[in-house]
C-alpha atoms as a PDB file:
ATOM      1  CA  MET A   1      71.573 -77.094  12.153  1.00  0.00           C
ATOM      2  CA  GLN A   2      71.112 -73.709  13.664  1.00  0.00           C
ATOM      3  CA  ALA A   3      69.736 -70.590  12.065  1.00  0.00           C
ATOM      4  CA  ASN A   4      71.182 -68.502  14.900  1.00  0.00           C
ATOM      5  CA  MET A   5      74.919 -69.150  14.972  1.00  0.00           C
ATOM      6  CA  GLU A   6      76.221 -67.780  18.252  1.00  0.00           C
ATOM      7  CA  ASP A   7      79.412 -69.034  19.873  1.00  0.00           C
ATOM      8  CA  THR A   8      79.552 -67.945  23.519  1.00  0.00           C
ATOM      9  CA  TYR A   9      82.299 -68.102  26.158  1.00  0.00           C
ATOM     10  CA  ARG A  10      80.404 -71.019  27.662  1.00  0.00           C
ATOM     11  CA  HIS A  11      80.521 -72.923  24.376  1.00  0.00           C
ATOM     12  CA  LYS A  12      84.257 -72.241  24.090  1.00  0.00           C
ATOM     13  CA  GLY A  13      84.818 -73.434  27.639  1.00  0.00           C
ATOM     14  CA  LEU A  14      82.885 -76.635  26.945  1.00  0.00           C
ATOM     15  CA  ARG A  15      84.993 -77.216  23.818  1.00  0.00           C
ATOM     16  CA  LYS A  16      88.174 -76.820  25.832  1.00  0.00           C
ATOM     17  CA  GLN A  17      86.922 -79.492  28.269  1.00  0.00           C
ATOM     18  CA  LEU A  18      85.967 -81.731  25.340  1.00  0.00           C
ATOM     19  CA  VAL A  19      89.446 -81.424  23.836  1.00  0.00           C
ATOM     20  CA  GLU A  20      91.074 -82.302  27.160  1.00  0.00           C
ATOM     21  CA  GLY A  21      88.910 -85.418  27.336  1.00  0.00           C
ATOM     22  CA  ILE A  22      89.910 -86.433  23.806  1.00  0.00           C
ATOM     23  CA  ARG A  23      93.564 -85.802  24.626  1.00  0.00           C
ATOM     24  CA  GLN A  24      93.261 -88.088  27.658  1.00  0.00           C
ATOM     25  CA  LYS A  25      91.850 -90.817  25.374  1.00  0.00           C
ATOM     26  CA  GLY A  26      95.097 -90.770  23.401  1.00  0.00           C
ATOM     27  CA  ILE A  27      94.843 -88.196  20.618  1.00  0.00           C
ATOM     28  CA  ARG A  28      98.255 -86.537  20.239  1.00  0.00           C
ATOM     29  CA  ASP A  29      98.068 -84.498  17.015  1.00  0.00           C
ATOM     30  CA  GLU A  30      97.950 -80.898  18.236  1.00  0.00           C
ATOM     31  CA  ALA A  31      96.599 -79.613  14.903  1.00  0.00           C
ATOM     32  CA  VAL A  32      93.626 -81.976  15.199  1.00  0.00           C
ATOM     33  CA  LEU A  33      92.963 -80.927  18.797  1.00  0.00           C
ATOM     34  CA  ALA A  34      93.248 -77.229  17.906  1.00  0.00           C
ATOM     35  CA  ALA A  35      90.722 -77.613  15.073  1.00  0.00           C
ATOM     36  CA  ILE A  36      88.203 -79.360  17.332  1.00  0.00           C
ATOM     37  CA  GLU A  37      88.667 -76.682  19.979  1.00  0.00           C
ATOM     38  CA  LYS A  38      88.048 -73.924  17.434  1.00  0.00           C
ATOM     39  CA  ILE A  39      84.985 -75.262  15.583  1.00  0.00           C
ATOM     40  CA  PRO A  40      81.565 -74.740  17.242  1.00  0.00           C
ATOM     41  CA  ARG A  41      80.144 -78.285  17.085  1.00  0.00           C
ATOM     42  CA  HIS A  42      76.760 -77.012  18.257  1.00  0.00           C
ATOM     43  CA  PHE A  43      76.353 -75.183  14.911  1.00  0.00           C
ATOM     44  CA  PHE A  44      76.083 -78.572  13.209  1.00  0.00           C
ATOM     45  CA  MET A  45      73.317 -79.959  15.419  1.00  0.00           C
ATOM     46  CA  ASP A  46      69.619 -79.386  15.841  1.00  0.00           C
ATOM     47  CA  SER A  47      68.976 -76.825  18.575  1.00  0.00           C
ATOM     48  CA  SER A  48      67.189 -79.455  20.706  1.00  0.00           C
ATOM     49  CA  PHE A  49      70.568 -81.179  21.134  1.00  0.00           C
ATOM     50  CA  LEU A  50      72.517 -78.070  22.122  1.00  0.00           C
ATOM     51  CA  GLU A  51      73.085 -79.163  25.712  1.00  0.00           C
ATOM     52  CA  PHE A  52      74.686 -82.380  24.398  1.00  0.00           C
ATOM     53  CA  ALA A  53      76.868 -80.771  21.719  1.00  0.00           C
ATOM     54  CA  TYR A  54      80.079 -80.977  23.752  1.00  0.00           C
ATOM     55  CA  GLN A  55      79.646 -84.446  25.164  1.00  0.00           C
ATOM     56  CA  ASP A  56      81.914 -86.985  23.485  1.00  0.00           C
ATOM     57  CA  LYS A  57      79.002 -88.798  21.844  1.00  0.00           C
ATOM     58  CA  PRO A  58      77.459 -89.188  18.374  1.00  0.00           C
ATOM     59  CA  PHE A  59      74.005 -87.706  17.683  1.00  0.00           C
ATOM     60  CA  PRO A  60      71.384 -88.136  14.938  1.00  0.00           C
ATOM     61  CA  ILE A  61      71.218 -85.461  12.226  1.00  0.00           C
ATOM     62  CA  GLY A  62      68.386 -86.877  10.082  1.00  0.00           C
ATOM     63  CA  SER A  63      68.228 -89.157   7.028  1.00  0.00           C
ATOM     64  CA  GLY A  64      69.401 -92.037   9.226  1.00  0.00           C
ATOM     65  CA  GLN A  65      72.814 -90.384   9.688  1.00  0.00           C
ATOM     66  CA  THR A  66      74.745 -89.147  12.717  1.00  0.00           C
ATOM     67  CA  ILE A  67      77.300 -86.497  13.581  1.00  0.00           C
ATOM     68  CA  SER A  68      80.227 -88.625  14.716  1.00  0.00           C
ATOM     69  CA  GLN A  69      81.549 -88.726  18.245  1.00  0.00           C
ATOM     70  CA  PRO A  70      84.294 -86.048  18.533  1.00  0.00           C
ATOM     71  CA  TYR A  71      86.855 -88.670  19.597  1.00  0.00           C
ATOM     72  CA  THR A  72      86.091 -90.660  16.426  1.00  0.00           C
ATOM     73  CA  VAL A  73      86.480 -87.531  14.278  1.00  0.00           C
ATOM     74  CA  ALA A  74      89.817 -86.822  15.981  1.00  0.00           C
ATOM     75  CA  PHE A  75      90.970 -90.445  15.651  1.00  0.00           C
ATOM     76  CA  GLN A  76      90.222 -90.684  11.925  1.00  0.00           C
ATOM     77  CA  THR A  77      91.729 -87.255  11.269  1.00  0.00           C
ATOM     78  CA  GLU A  78      94.909 -88.158  13.156  1.00  0.00           C
ATOM     79  CA  LEU A  79      95.290 -91.324  11.046  1.00  0.00           C
ATOM     80  CA  LEU A  80      95.009 -89.216   7.877  1.00  0.00           C
ATOM     81  CA  GLN A  81      98.162 -87.242   8.801  1.00  0.00           C
ATOM     82  CA  VAL A  82      96.833 -84.119   7.062  1.00  0.00           C
ATOM     83  CA  LYS A  83      99.176 -81.290   6.139  1.00  0.00           C
ATOM     84  CA  LYS A  84      98.264 -77.792   4.927  1.00  0.00           C
ATOM     85  CA  GLY A  85      97.468 -77.604   1.239  1.00  0.00           C
ATOM     86  CA  MET A  86      96.657 -81.298   0.856  1.00  0.00           C
ATOM     87  CA  LYS A  87      93.710 -82.282  -1.330  1.00  0.00           C
ATOM     88  CA  VAL A  88      91.352 -84.439   0.751  1.00  0.00           C
ATOM     89  CA  LEU A  89      88.313 -86.395  -0.440  1.00  0.00           C
ATOM     90  CA  GLU A  90      85.686 -87.149   2.209  1.00  0.00           C
ATOM     91  CA  ILE A  91      83.053 -89.811   1.570  1.00  0.00           C
ATOM     92  CA  GLY A  92      79.950 -89.016   3.638  1.00  0.00           C
ATOM     93  CA  THR A  93      79.544 -85.278   4.266  1.00  0.00           C
ATOM     94  CA  GLY A  94      76.821 -85.698   6.895  1.00  0.00           C
ATOM     95  CA  SER A  95      76.554 -82.495   8.918  1.00  0.00           C
ATOM     96  CA  GLY A  96      79.770 -81.034   7.470  1.00  0.00           C
ATOM     97  CA  TYR A  97      81.556 -81.144  10.837  1.00  0.00           C
ATOM     98  CA  GLN A  98      84.358 -83.506   9.799  1.00  0.00           C
ATOM     99  CA  ALA A  99      84.902 -81.570   6.571  1.00  0.00           C
ATOM    100  CA  SER A 100      85.185 -78.355   8.598  1.00  0.00           C
ATOM    101  CA  VAL A 101      87.829 -79.919  10.862  1.00  0.00           C
ATOM    102  CA  LEU A 102      89.880 -80.875   7.797  1.00  0.00           C
ATOM    103  CA  SER A 103      89.420 -77.419   6.285  1.00  0.00           C
ATOM    104  CA  GLU A 104      90.440 -75.726   9.541  1.00  0.00           C
ATOM    105  CA  MET A 105      93.666 -77.757   9.350  1.00  0.00           C
ATOM    106  CA  GLY A 106      94.420 -76.241   5.955  1.00  0.00           C
ATOM    107  CA  ALA A 107      93.239 -79.042   3.669  1.00  0.00           C
ATOM    108  CA  ARG A 108      91.403 -78.440   0.399  1.00  0.00           C
ATOM    109  CA  VAL A 109      88.314 -80.521   1.049  1.00  0.00           C
ATOM    110  CA  PHE A 110      86.051 -82.236  -1.488  1.00  0.00           C
ATOM    111  CA  SER A 111      83.124 -84.041   0.118  1.00  0.00           C
ATOM    112  CA  ILE A 112      80.431 -86.367  -1.269  1.00  0.00           C
ATOM    113  CA  GLU A 113      77.017 -86.975   0.319  1.00  0.00           C
ATOM    114  CA  ARG A 114      74.564 -89.583  -0.949  1.00  0.00           C
ATOM    115  CA  GLN A 115      71.410 -88.471   0.911  1.00  0.00           C
ATOM    116  CA  ARG A 116      69.783 -85.669  -1.087  1.00  0.00           C
ATOM    117  CA  LYS A 117      67.915 -83.970   1.795  1.00  0.00           C
ATOM    118  CA  LEU A 118      70.997 -84.010   3.999  1.00  0.00           C
ATOM    119  CA  PHE A 119      73.171 -82.751   1.140  1.00  0.00           C
ATOM    120  CA  GLN A 120      70.851 -79.818   0.443  1.00  0.00           C
ATOM    121  CA  ARG A 121      70.606 -78.875   4.114  1.00  0.00           C
ATOM    122  CA  THR A 122      74.365 -79.116   4.705  1.00  0.00           C
ATOM    123  CA  LYS A 123      75.191 -77.232   1.490  1.00  0.00           C
ATOM    124  CA  GLU A 124      72.927 -74.375   2.571  1.00  0.00           C
ATOM    125  CA  PHE A 125      74.470 -74.347   6.049  1.00  0.00           C
ATOM    126  CA  MET A 126      78.078 -74.547   4.833  1.00  0.00           C
ATOM    127  CA  GLY A 127      77.390 -71.642   2.494  1.00  0.00           C
ATOM    128  CA  ARG A 128      76.893 -69.498   5.625  1.00  0.00           C
ATOM    129  CA  PHE A 129      79.852 -71.022   7.471  1.00  0.00           C
ATOM    130  CA  ARG A 130      83.462 -69.942   6.911  1.00  0.00           C
ATOM    131  CA  TYR A 131      85.054 -73.030   5.358  1.00  0.00           C
ATOM    132  CA  PRO A 132      85.448 -73.334   1.550  1.00  0.00           C
ATOM    133  CA  VAL A 133      84.496 -77.021   1.365  1.00  0.00           C
ATOM    134  CA  LYS A 134      83.391 -78.253  -2.075  1.00  0.00           C
ATOM    135  CA  LEU A 135      80.251 -80.385  -1.670  1.00  0.00           C
ATOM    136  CA  PHE A 136      78.883 -82.937  -4.138  1.00  0.00           C
ATOM    137  CA  LEU A 137      75.748 -85.089  -4.266  1.00  0.00           C
ATOM    138  CA  GLY A 138      76.731 -88.533  -5.472  1.00  0.00           C
ATOM    139  CA  ASP A 139      77.777 -92.138  -4.883  1.00  0.00           C
ATOM    140  CA  GLY A 140      80.780 -92.217  -2.572  1.00  0.00           C
ATOM    141  CA  TYR A 141      81.878 -95.594  -3.926  1.00  0.00           C
ATOM    142  CA  LEU A 142      82.728 -93.846  -7.205  1.00  0.00           C
ATOM    143  CA  GLY A 143      84.688 -90.973  -5.657  1.00  0.00           C
ATOM    144  CA  LEU A 144      85.336 -87.852  -7.741  1.00  0.00           C
ATOM    145  CA  PRO A 145      87.448 -88.921 -10.742  1.00  0.00           C
ATOM    146  CA  THR A 146      87.201 -85.422 -12.270  1.00  0.00           C
ATOM    147  CA  PHE A 147      89.098 -83.942  -9.308  1.00  0.00           C
ATOM    148  CA  ALA A 148      91.451 -86.874  -8.651  1.00  0.00           C
ATOM    149  CA  PRO A 149      94.068 -87.682  -7.567  1.00  0.00           C
ATOM    150  CA  PHE A 150      93.818 -86.930  -3.839  1.00  0.00           C
ATOM    151  CA  ASP A 151      96.528 -86.813  -1.158  1.00  0.00           C
ATOM    152  CA  ARG A 152      94.119 -88.239   1.408  1.00  0.00           C
ATOM    153  CA  ILE A 153      90.736 -89.994   1.335  1.00  0.00           C
ATOM    154  CA  LEU A 154      88.494 -90.344   4.389  1.00  0.00           C
ATOM    155  CA  ILE A 155      85.443 -92.588   4.534  1.00  0.00           C
ATOM    156  CA  THR A 156      83.058 -91.735   7.367  1.00  0.00           C
ATOM    157  CA  ALA A 157      80.702 -94.711   7.031  1.00  0.00           C
ATOM    158  CA  ALA A 158      81.094 -98.475   7.415  1.00  0.00           C
ATOM    159  CA  ALA A 159      82.241-100.127   4.181  1.00  0.00           C
ATOM    160  CA  PRO A 160      82.060-103.919   3.667  1.00  0.00           C
ATOM    161  CA  GLU A 161      84.753-103.607   1.003  1.00  0.00           C
ATOM    162  CA  ILE A 162      87.429-101.110   0.026  1.00  0.00           C
ATOM    163  CA  PRO A 163      86.170 -99.317  -3.108  1.00  0.00           C
ATOM    164  CA  GLN A 164      88.644 -99.887  -5.941  1.00  0.00           C
ATOM    165  CA  ALA A 165      87.751 -96.536  -7.520  1.00  0.00           C
ATOM    166  CA  LEU A 166      88.934 -94.747  -4.367  1.00  0.00           C
ATOM    167  CA  LEU A 167      92.256 -96.594  -4.314  1.00  0.00           C
ATOM    168  CA  GLU A 168      92.770 -95.543  -7.937  1.00  0.00           C
ATOM    169  CA  GLN A 169      92.023 -91.901  -7.035  1.00  0.00           C
ATOM    170  CA  LEU A 170      94.593 -91.909  -4.209  1.00  0.00           C
ATOM    171  CA  LYS A 171      97.995 -90.401  -5.009  1.00  0.00           C
ATOM    172  CA  PRO A 172     101.176 -92.443  -4.564  1.00  0.00           C
ATOM    173  CA  ASN A 173     102.293 -91.979  -0.925  1.00  0.00           C
ATOM    174  CA  GLY A 174      98.667 -91.142  -0.109  1.00  0.00           C
ATOM    175  CA  ILE A 175      96.596 -92.388   2.822  1.00  0.00           C
ATOM    176  CA  LEU A 176      93.016 -93.685   2.876  1.00  0.00           C
ATOM    177  CA  VAL A 177      91.201 -94.176   6.207  1.00  0.00           C
ATOM    178  CA  ILE A 178      88.140 -96.415   6.246  1.00  0.00           C
ATOM    179  CA  PRO A 179      85.941 -98.206   8.835  1.00  0.00           C
ATOM    180  CA  HIS A 180      85.994-101.655   7.211  1.00  0.00           C
ATOM    181  CA  GLY A 181      83.654-104.563   7.896  1.00  0.00           C
ATOM    182  CA  LYS A 182      80.261-106.130   7.195  1.00  0.00           C
ATOM    183  CA  ASP A 183      79.148-106.456  10.813  1.00  0.00           C
ATOM    184  CA  ASP A 184      77.929-103.912  13.388  1.00  0.00           C
ATOM    185  CA  ILE A 185      81.524-103.232  14.458  1.00  0.00           C
ATOM    186  CA  GLN A 186      84.225-102.258  11.967  1.00  0.00           C
ATOM    187  CA  ASN A 187      88.021-102.274  11.932  1.00  0.00           C
ATOM    188  CA  MET A 188      89.563 -98.848  11.353  1.00  0.00           C
ATOM    189  CA  LEU A 189      92.008 -99.306   8.491  1.00  0.00           C
ATOM    190  CA  GLN A 190      94.781 -96.910   7.532  1.00  0.00           C
ATOM    191  CA  ILE A 191      95.663 -97.789   3.945  1.00  0.00           C
ATOM    192  CA  MET A 192      98.886 -96.423   2.506  1.00  0.00           C
ATOM    193  CA  LYS A 193      99.555 -96.397  -1.220  1.00  0.00           C
ATOM    194  CA  GLN A 194     103.277 -96.769  -1.803  1.00  0.00           C
ATOM    195  CA  ALA A 195     105.227 -94.813  -4.419  1.00  0.00           C
ATOM    196  CA  ASP A 196     105.167 -97.873  -6.698  1.00  0.00           C
ATOM    197  CA  GLY A 197     101.373 -98.224  -6.339  1.00  0.00           C
ATOM    198  CA  THR A 198     101.376-101.184  -3.950  1.00  0.00           C
ATOM    199  CA  ILE A 199      99.009-101.069  -0.979  1.00  0.00           C
ATOM    200  CA  ARG A 200      99.897-101.461   2.693  1.00  0.00           C
ATOM    201  CA  SER A 201      97.250-101.587   5.409  1.00  0.00           C
ATOM    202  CA  GLU A 202      97.267-101.215   9.204  1.00  0.00           C
ATOM    203  CA  THR A 203      94.382-101.808  11.619  1.00  0.00           C
ATOM    204  CA  HIS A 204      93.750 -99.276  14.391  1.00  0.00           C
ATOM    205  CA  GLY A 205      91.037-100.592  16.686  1.00  0.00           C
ATOM    206  CA  THR A 206      87.306-101.117  16.266  1.00  0.00           C
ATOM    207  CA  PHE A 207      84.489 -98.600  15.826  1.00  0.00           C
ATOM    208  CA  ARG A 208      80.791 -98.478  14.996  1.00  0.00           C
ATOM    209  CA  PHE A 209      79.574 -96.490  11.961  1.00  0.00           C
ATOM    210  CA  VAL A 210      76.364 -96.243   9.929  1.00  0.00           C
ATOM    211  CA  PRO A 211      76.668 -98.170   6.613  1.00  0.00           C
ATOM    212  CA  LEU A 212      78.169 -96.646   3.469  1.00  0.00           C
ATOM    213  CA  LEU A 213      75.454 -96.788   0.812  1.00  0.00           C
ATOM    214  CA  GLY A 214      76.044 -96.944  -2.917  1.00  0.00           C
ATOM    215  CA  ASP A 215      74.067 -95.329  -5.758  1.00  0.00           C
ATOM    216  CA  LEU A 216      72.561 -91.885  -5.649  1.00  0.00           C
ATOM    217  CA  GLY A 217      70.211 -91.015  -2.795  1.00  0.00           C
ATOM    218  CA  ASN A 218      66.901 -89.519  -3.900  1.00  0.00           C
ATOM    219  CA  ASP A 219      65.230 -89.351  -0.504  1.00  0.00           C
END
């Protein structure tokens, strides 16, 4: 993550091209596209990767984690159907890029990161950035019961099972988006909690994510 945060006309032009590419891949939510066009993705990456910041690809950010491909960020965010003022829980802060997209869209974002080094680095960075995201070091499987319930929950790592604690922390008529599966490729699930508490699930294609890890990260 950069110490020198400069957003040039060239960066903005590259973001515009990136957004057009994502639109051509099928993203239709204009609020999602506008957020991705506004946020300088290169701020969230090591300076050695700057020339790649606006390619539609994931990149490593340390601690075995990646900053997700912009299309994947857009796809998950579109499935969340975020509206201004909604309370959103993100599991897997990573670089803070996804949380910033949600915040730019007007959500009140609570985000949990398991990896201590990554958490500390992202917390320091986000303190200098403009989005009021609340960051927590902890086990994403447990969610944040103190701040529950949430309108939306987003999991940004591959989960072999759907954490029961997160379903309990989801409001009635809420949506949870999760890359679900034990193998290298996961199904993207959009889980809707009905007003009566019953759960309905839809599958939206396959993706590849790093694994969601339980327990607190000390490394």
